[in-house]
Amino acid sequence: LRPARCFYWCQMVKAYQFEVPGPPVPQP
């Protein structure tokens, strides 16, 4: 048995990778 309310959330959890174009900017 598993909690029904977290079933949809468990299907959506995955790793994400994305790129932000342009030079990195440090916090001043």
PDB file of all heavy atoms in Angstrom:
ATOM      1  N   LEU A   1       0.837  -1.181   0.000  1.00  0.00           N
ATOM      2  CA  LEU A   1       0.000   0.000   0.000  1.00  0.00           C
ATOM      3  C   LEU A   1       0.876   1.235   0.000  1.00  0.00           C
ATOM      4  O   LEU A   1       1.955   1.239   0.559  1.00  0.00           O
ATOM      5  CB  LEU A   1      -0.916   0.012   1.234  1.00  0.00           C
ATOM      6  CG  LEU A   1      -1.890  -1.173   1.347  1.00  0.00           C
ATOM      7  CD1 LEU A   1      -2.680  -1.062   2.635  1.00  0.00           C
ATOM      8  CD2 LEU A   1      -2.829  -1.216   0.151  1.00  0.00           C
ATOM      9  N   ARG A   2       0.426   2.298  -0.634  1.00  0.00           N
ATOM     10  CA  ARG A   2       1.164   3.545  -0.693  1.00  0.00           C
ATOM     11  C   ARG A   2       0.181   4.707  -0.606  1.00  0.00           C
ATOM     12  O   ARG A   2      -0.978   4.571  -0.989  1.00  0.00           O
ATOM     13  CB  ARG A   2       1.980   3.644  -1.984  1.00  0.00           C
ATOM     14  CG  ARG A   2       1.159   3.499  -3.239  1.00  0.00           C
ATOM     15  CD  ARG A   2       2.046   3.343  -4.473  1.00  0.00           C
ATOM     16  NE  ARG A   2       1.256   3.073  -5.668  1.00  0.00           N
ATOM     17  CZ  ARG A   2       1.786   2.744  -6.828  1.00  0.00           C
ATOM     18  NH1 ARG A   2       3.090   2.649  -6.958  1.00  0.00           N
ATOM     19  NH2 ARG A   2       1.018   2.513  -7.876  1.00  0.00           N
ATOM     20  N   PRO A   3       0.597   5.856  -0.074  1.00  0.00           N
ATOM     21  CA  PRO A   3      -0.323   6.993   0.049  1.00  0.00           C
ATOM     22  C   PRO A   3      -0.831   7.449  -1.311  1.00  0.00           C
ATOM     23  O   PRO A   3      -0.055   7.686  -2.236  1.00  0.00           O
ATOM     24  CB  PRO A   3       0.552   8.070   0.696  1.00  0.00           C
ATOM     25  CG  PRO A   3       1.665   7.314   1.349  1.00  0.00           C
ATOM     26  CD  PRO A   3       1.900   6.119   0.485  1.00  0.00           C
ATOM     27  N   ALA A   4      -2.131   7.581  -1.445  1.00  0.00           N
ATOM     28  CA  ALA A   4      -2.720   7.969  -2.727  1.00  0.00           C
ATOM     29  C   ALA A   4      -2.402   9.413  -3.068  1.00  0.00           C
ATOM     30  O   ALA A   4      -2.216   9.763  -4.228  1.00  0.00           O
ATOM     31  CB  ALA A   4      -4.238   7.762  -2.696  1.00  0.00           C
ATOM     32  N   ARG A   5      -2.321  10.282  -2.062  1.00  0.00           N
ATOM     33  CA  ARG A   5      -2.146  11.705  -2.338  1.00  0.00           C
ATOM     34  C   ARG A   5      -0.759  12.019  -2.897  1.00  0.00           C
ATOM     35  O   ARG A   5      -0.564  13.067  -3.483  1.00  0.00           O
ATOM     36  CB  ARG A   5      -2.380  12.525  -1.082  1.00  0.00           C
ATOM     37  CG  ARG A   5      -1.338  12.341  -0.007  1.00  0.00           C
ATOM     38  CD  ARG A   5      -1.653  13.210   1.196  1.00  0.00           C
ATOM     39  NE  ARG A   5      -0.665  13.092   2.243  1.00  0.00           N
ATOM     40  CZ  ARG A   5       0.463  13.777   2.272  1.00  0.00           C
ATOM     41  NH1 ARG A   5       0.749  14.621   1.305  1.00  0.00           N
ATOM     42  NH2 ARG A   5       1.320  13.627   3.265  1.00  0.00           N
ATOM     43  N   CYS A   6       0.233  11.153  -2.697  1.00  0.00           N
ATOM     44  CA  CYS A   6       1.573  11.425  -3.213  1.00  0.00           C
ATOM     45  C   CYS A   6       1.862  10.643  -4.485  1.00  0.00           C
ATOM     46  O   CYS A   6       2.964  10.699  -4.999  1.00  0.00           O
ATOM     47  CB  CYS A   6       2.643  11.103  -2.152  1.00  0.00           C
ATOM     48  SG  CYS A   6       2.990   9.349  -1.979  1.00  0.00           S
ATOM     49  N   PHE A   7       0.864   9.895  -5.010  1.00  0.00           N
ATOM     50  CA  PHE A   7       1.128   9.078  -6.187  1.00  0.00           C
ATOM     51  C   PHE A   7       1.509   9.938  -7.383  1.00  0.00           C
ATOM     52  O   PHE A   7       2.506   9.690  -8.059  1.00  0.00           O
ATOM     53  CB  PHE A   7      -0.119   8.252  -6.528  1.00  0.00           C
ATOM     54  CG  PHE A   7       0.024   7.457  -7.807  1.00  0.00           C
ATOM     55  CD1 PHE A   7       0.805   6.320  -7.844  1.00  0.00           C
ATOM     56  CD2 PHE A   7      -0.619   7.868  -8.965  1.00  0.00           C
ATOM     57  CE1 PHE A   7       0.948   5.594  -9.016  1.00  0.00           C
ATOM     58  CE2 PHE A   7      -0.484   7.148 -10.139  1.00  0.00           C
ATOM     59  CZ  PHE A   7       0.288   6.015 -10.156  1.00  0.00           C
ATOM     60  N   TYR A   8       0.735  11.009  -7.632  1.00  0.00           N
ATOM     61  CA  TYR A   8       1.031  11.865  -8.780  1.00  0.00           C
ATOM     62  C   TYR A   8       2.372  12.568  -8.592  1.00  0.00           C
ATOM     63  O   TYR A   8       3.156  12.706  -9.530  1.00  0.00           O
ATOM     64  CB  TYR A   8      -0.079  12.901  -8.962  1.00  0.00           C
ATOM     65  CG  TYR A   8       0.152  13.841 -10.118  1.00  0.00           C
ATOM     66  CD1 TYR A   8       0.120  13.374 -11.433  1.00  0.00           C
ATOM     67  CD2 TYR A   8       0.424  15.184  -9.899  1.00  0.00           C
ATOM     68  CE1 TYR A   8       0.343  14.235 -12.492  1.00  0.00           C
ATOM     69  CE2 TYR A   8       0.647  16.044 -10.948  1.00  0.00           C
ATOM     70  CZ  TYR A   8       0.602  15.563 -12.243  1.00  0.00           C
ATOM     71  OH  TYR A   8       0.837  16.423 -13.292  1.00  0.00           O
ATOM     72  N   TRP A   9       2.655  13.023  -7.353  1.00  0.00           N
ATOM     73  CA  TRP A   9       3.929  13.694  -7.092  1.00  0.00           C
ATOM     74  C   TRP A   9       5.105  12.754  -7.340  1.00  0.00           C
ATOM     75  O   TRP A   9       6.126  13.127  -7.896  1.00  0.00           O
ATOM     76  CB  TRP A   9       3.937  14.216  -5.663  1.00  0.00           C
ATOM     77  CG  TRP A   9       5.306  14.536  -5.129  1.00  0.00           C
ATOM     78  CD1 TRP A   9       5.942  13.935  -4.105  1.00  0.00           C
ATOM     79  CD2 TRP A   9       6.203  15.533  -5.610  1.00  0.00           C
ATOM     80  NE1 TRP A   9       7.175  14.473  -3.901  1.00  0.00           N
ATOM     81  CE2 TRP A   9       7.359  15.461  -4.820  1.00  0.00           C
ATOM     82  CE3 TRP A   9       6.148  16.472  -6.640  1.00  0.00           C
ATOM     83  CZ2 TRP A   9       8.449  16.286  -5.016  1.00  0.00           C
ATOM     84  CZ3 TRP A   9       7.238  17.301  -6.831  1.00  0.00           C
ATOM     85  CH2 TRP A   9       8.365  17.206  -6.033  1.00  0.00           C
ATOM     86  N   CYS A  10       4.967  11.478  -6.931  1.00  0.00           N
ATOM     87  CA  CYS A  10       6.052  10.518  -7.126  1.00  0.00           C
ATOM     88  C   CYS A  10       6.343  10.294  -8.605  1.00  0.00           C
ATOM     89  O   CYS A  10       7.484  10.023  -8.979  1.00  0.00           O
ATOM     90  CB  CYS A  10       5.702   9.187  -6.453  1.00  0.00           C
ATOM     91  SG  CYS A  10       5.587   9.294  -4.653  1.00  0.00           S
ATOM     92  N   GLN A  11       5.311  10.406  -9.444  1.00  0.00           N
ATOM     93  CA  GLN A  11       5.534  10.238 -10.872  1.00  0.00           C
ATOM     94  C   GLN A  11       6.258  11.438 -11.484  1.00  0.00           C
ATOM     95  O   GLN A  11       6.898  11.336 -12.527  1.00  0.00           O
ATOM     96  CB  GLN A  11       4.186  10.039 -11.591  1.00  0.00           C
ATOM     97  CG  GLN A  11       3.347   8.909 -11.030  1.00  0.00           C
ATOM     98  CD  GLN A  11       4.093   7.600 -10.999  1.00  0.00           C
ATOM     99  OE1 GLN A  11       4.660   7.184 -12.001  1.00  0.00           O
ATOM    100  NE2 GLN A  11       4.097   6.937  -9.854  1.00  0.00           N
ATOM    101  N   MET A  12       6.151  12.623 -10.843  1.00  0.00           N
ATOM    102  CA  MET A  12       6.721  13.841 -11.404  1.00  0.00           C
ATOM    103  C   MET A  12       8.146  14.107 -10.946  1.00  0.00           C
ATOM    104  O   MET A  12       8.848  14.910 -11.547  1.00  0.00           O
ATOM    105  CB  MET A  12       5.832  15.040 -11.030  1.00  0.00           C
ATOM    106  CG  MET A  12       4.440  14.989 -11.619  1.00  0.00           C
ATOM    107  SD  MET A  12       4.445  14.951 -13.427  1.00  0.00           S
ATOM    108  CE  MET A  12       5.267  16.497 -13.790  1.00  0.00           C
ATOM    109  N   VAL A  13       8.594  13.463  -9.858  1.00  0.00           N
ATOM    110  CA  VAL A  13       9.928  13.717  -9.335  1.00  0.00           C
ATOM    111  C   VAL A  13      10.963  13.129 -10.280  1.00  0.00           C
ATOM    112  O   VAL A  13      10.958  11.937 -10.574  1.00  0.00           O
ATOM    113  CB  VAL A  13      10.090  13.122  -7.926  1.00  0.00           C
ATOM    114  CG1 VAL A  13      11.539  13.209  -7.472  1.00  0.00           C
ATOM    115  CG2 VAL A  13       9.203  13.852  -6.952  1.00  0.00           C
ATOM    116  N   LYS A  14      11.854  13.960 -10.762  1.00  0.00           N
ATOM    117  CA  LYS A  14      12.936  13.523 -11.621  1.00  0.00           C
ATOM    118  C   LYS A  14      14.029  14.573 -11.581  1.00  0.00           C
ATOM    119  O   LYS A  14      13.903  15.613 -10.939  1.00  0.00           O
ATOM    120  CB  LYS A  14      12.456  13.305 -13.048  1.00  0.00           C
ATOM    121  CG  LYS A  14      11.926  14.565 -13.731  1.00  0.00           C
ATOM    122  CD  LYS A  14      11.502  14.264 -15.156  1.00  0.00           C
ATOM    123  CE  LYS A  14      11.025  15.524 -15.863  1.00  0.00           C
ATOM    124  NZ  LYS A  14      10.638  15.263 -17.267  1.00  0.00           N
ATOM    125  N   ALA A  15      15.142  14.273 -12.229  1.00  0.00           N
ATOM    126  CA  ALA A  15      16.244  15.231 -12.283  1.00  0.00           C
ATOM    127  C   ALA A  15      15.993  16.214 -13.425  1.00  0.00           C
ATOM    128  O   ALA A  15      15.418  15.862 -14.462  1.00  0.00           O
ATOM    129  CB  ALA A  15      17.568  14.499 -12.495  1.00  0.00           C
ATOM    130  N   TYR A  16      16.427  17.440 -13.220  1.00  0.00           N
ATOM    131  CA  TYR A  16      16.245  18.492 -14.211  1.00  0.00           C
ATOM    132  C   TYR A  16      17.598  19.111 -14.536  1.00  0.00           C
ATOM    133  O   TYR A  16      18.421  19.342 -13.646  1.00  0.00           O
ATOM    134  CB  TYR A  16      15.297  19.575 -13.694  1.00  0.00           C
ATOM    135  CG  TYR A  16      13.900  19.078 -13.416  1.00  0.00           C
ATOM    136  CD1 TYR A  16      13.560  18.585 -12.158  1.00  0.00           C
ATOM    137  CD2 TYR A  16      12.936  19.087 -14.406  1.00  0.00           C
ATOM    138  CE1 TYR A  16      12.284  18.125 -11.905  1.00  0.00           C
ATOM    139  CE2 TYR A  16      11.656  18.629 -14.161  1.00  0.00           C
ATOM    140  CZ  TYR A  16      11.340  18.145 -12.913  1.00  0.00           C
ATOM    141  OH  TYR A  16      10.072  17.683 -12.666  1.00  0.00           O
ATOM    142  N   GLN A  17      17.815  19.374 -15.805  1.00  0.00           N
ATOM    143  CA  GLN A  17      19.035  20.049 -16.239  1.00  0.00           C
ATOM    144  C   GLN A  17      18.672  21.074 -17.308  1.00  0.00           C
ATOM    145  O   GLN A  17      17.944  20.773 -18.253  1.00  0.00           O
ATOM    146  CB  GLN A  17      20.046  19.048 -16.802  1.00  0.00           C
ATOM    147  CG  GLN A  17      21.345  19.703 -17.271  1.00  0.00           C
ATOM    148  CD  GLN A  17      22.407  18.681 -17.661  1.00  0.00           C
ATOM    149  OE1 GLN A  17      22.530  17.638 -17.033  1.00  0.00           O
ATOM    150  NE2 GLN A  17      23.152  18.963 -18.706  1.00  0.00           N
ATOM    151  N   PHE A  18      19.176  22.296 -17.141  1.00  0.00           N
ATOM    152  CA  PHE A  18      18.875  23.357 -18.109  1.00  0.00           C
ATOM    153  C   PHE A  18      20.025  24.341 -18.137  1.00  0.00           C
ATOM    154  O   PHE A  18      20.867  24.370 -17.233  1.00  0.00           O
ATOM    155  CB  PHE A  18      17.552  24.062 -17.770  1.00  0.00           C
ATOM    156  CG  PHE A  18      17.339  24.319 -16.306  1.00  0.00           C
ATOM    157  CD1 PHE A  18      17.844  25.459 -15.696  1.00  0.00           C
ATOM    158  CD2 PHE A  18      16.643  23.414 -15.525  1.00  0.00           C
ATOM    159  CE1 PHE A  18      17.647  25.702 -14.352  1.00  0.00           C
ATOM    160  CE2 PHE A  18      16.434  23.647 -14.172  1.00  0.00           C
ATOM    161  CZ  PHE A  18      16.944  24.804 -13.585  1.00  0.00           C
ATOM    162  N   GLU A  19      20.078  25.127 -19.224  1.00  0.00           N
ATOM    163  CA  GLU A  19      21.151  26.090 -19.437  1.00  0.00           C
ATOM    164  C   GLU A  19      20.596  27.511 -19.442  1.00  0.00           C
ATOM    165  O   GLU A  19      19.529  27.771 -19.986  1.00  0.00           O
ATOM    166  CB  GLU A  19      21.859  25.827 -20.770  1.00  0.00           C
ATOM    167  CG  GLU A  19      22.608  24.512 -20.835  1.00  0.00           C
ATOM    168  CD  GLU A  19      23.362  24.353 -22.149  1.00  0.00           C
ATOM    169  OE1 GLU A  19      23.346  25.310 -22.963  1.00  0.00           O
ATOM    170  OE2 GLU A  19      23.957  23.288 -22.374  1.00  0.00           O
ATOM    171  N   VAL A  20      21.359  28.414 -18.829  1.00  0.00           N
ATOM    172  CA  VAL A  20      21.044  29.838 -18.868  1.00  0.00           C
ATOM    173  C   VAL A  20      22.095  30.503 -19.750  1.00  0.00           C
ATOM    174  O   VAL A  20      23.278  30.517 -19.401  1.00  0.00           O
ATOM    175  CB  VAL A  20      21.073  30.452 -17.453  1.00  0.00           C
ATOM    176  CG1 VAL A  20      20.753  31.943 -17.521  1.00  0.00           C
ATOM    177  CG2 VAL A  20      20.101  29.726 -16.532  1.00  0.00           C
ATOM    178  N   PRO A  21      21.727  31.015 -20.907  1.00  0.00           N
ATOM    179  CA  PRO A  21      22.722  31.605 -21.813  1.00  0.00           C
ATOM    180  C   PRO A  21      23.281  32.916 -21.267  1.00  0.00           C
ATOM    181  O   PRO A  21      22.624  33.629 -20.506  1.00  0.00           O
ATOM    182  CB  PRO A  21      21.929  31.833 -23.105  1.00  0.00           C
ATOM    183  CG  PRO A  21      20.506  31.970 -22.661  1.00  0.00           C
ATOM    184  CD  PRO A  21      20.357  31.083 -21.461  1.00  0.00           C
ATOM    185  N   GLY A  22      24.508  33.218 -21.681  1.00  0.00           N
ATOM    186  CA  GLY A  22      25.133  34.468 -21.268  1.00  0.00           C
ATOM    187  C   GLY A  22      26.169  34.260 -20.174  1.00  0.00           C
ATOM    188  O   GLY A  22      26.175  33.235 -19.487  1.00  0.00           O
ATOM    189  N   PRO A  23      27.065  35.233 -19.987  1.00  0.00           N
ATOM    190  CA  PRO A  23      28.115  35.116 -18.963  1.00  0.00           C
ATOM    191  C   PRO A  23      27.519  35.037 -17.557  1.00  0.00           C
ATOM    192  O   PRO A  23      26.562  35.751 -17.241  1.00  0.00           O
ATOM    193  CB  PRO A  23      28.930  36.403 -19.139  1.00  0.00           C
ATOM    194  CG  PRO A  23      28.594  36.900 -20.512  1.00  0.00           C
ATOM    195  CD  PRO A  23      27.191  36.475 -20.773  1.00  0.00           C
ATOM    196  N   PRO A  24      28.066  34.188 -16.678  1.00  0.00           N
ATOM    197  CA  PRO A  24      27.610  34.148 -15.283  1.00  0.00           C
ATOM    198  C   PRO A  24      27.909  35.468 -14.573  1.00  0.00           C
ATOM    199  O   PRO A  24      28.898  36.140 -14.873  1.00  0.00           O
ATOM    200  CB  PRO A  24      28.427  33.000 -14.675  1.00  0.00           C
ATOM    201  CG  PRO A  24      28.881  32.180 -15.847  1.00  0.00           C
ATOM    202  CD  PRO A  24      29.058  33.142 -16.972  1.00  0.00           C
ATOM    203  N   VAL A  25      27.052  35.836 -13.639  1.00  0.00           N
ATOM    204  CA  VAL A  25      27.203  37.086 -12.895  1.00  0.00           C
ATOM    205  C   VAL A  25      27.200  36.768 -11.397  1.00  0.00           C
ATOM    206  O   VAL A  25      26.234  36.189 -10.896  1.00  0.00           O
ATOM    207  CB  VAL A  25      26.070  38.086 -13.208  1.00  0.00           C
ATOM    208  CG1 VAL A  25      26.273  39.383 -12.432  1.00  0.00           C
ATOM    209  CG2 VAL A  25      26.001  38.355 -14.707  1.00  0.00           C
ATOM    210  N   PRO A  26      28.251  37.121 -10.660  1.00  0.00           N
ATOM    211  CA  PRO A  26      28.266  36.865  -9.213  1.00  0.00           C
ATOM    212  C   PRO A  26      27.411  37.874  -8.460  1.00  0.00           C
ATOM    213  O   PRO A  26      27.194  38.991  -8.924  1.00  0.00           O
ATOM    214  CB  PRO A  26      29.752  37.009  -8.852  1.00  0.00           C
ATOM    215  CG  PRO A  26      30.281  37.970  -9.864  1.00  0.00           C
ATOM    216  CD  PRO A  26      29.519  37.706 -11.135  1.00  0.00           C
ATOM    217  N   GLN A  27      26.945  37.458  -7.302  1.00  0.00           N
ATOM    218  CA  GLN A  27      26.203  38.362  -6.432  1.00  0.00           C
ATOM    219  C   GLN A  27      27.156  39.420  -5.881  1.00  0.00           C
ATOM    220  O   GLN A  27      28.152  39.093  -5.241  1.00  0.00           O
ATOM    221  CB  GLN A  27      25.570  37.583  -5.275  1.00  0.00           C
ATOM    222  CG  GLN A  27      24.849  38.434  -4.253  1.00  0.00           C
ATOM    223  CD  GLN A  27      23.567  39.027  -4.796  1.00  0.00           C
ATOM    224  OE1 GLN A  27      22.922  38.446  -5.653  1.00  0.00           O
ATOM    225  NE2 GLN A  27      23.187  40.175  -4.275  1.00  0.00           N
ATOM    226  N   PRO A  28      26.890  40.714  -6.106  1.00  0.00           N
ATOM    227  CA  PRO A  28      27.803  41.757  -5.617  1.00  0.00           C
ATOM    228  C   PRO A  28      27.596  42.029  -4.135  1.00  0.00           C
ATOM    229  O   PRO A  28      26.580  41.645  -3.540  1.00  0.00           O
ATOM    230  CB  PRO A  28      27.416  42.977  -6.449  1.00  0.00           C
ATOM    231  CG  PRO A  28      25.953  42.779  -6.702  1.00  0.00           C
ATOM    232  CD  PRO A  28      25.752  41.286  -6.842  1.00  0.00           C
TER     233      PRO A  28
END
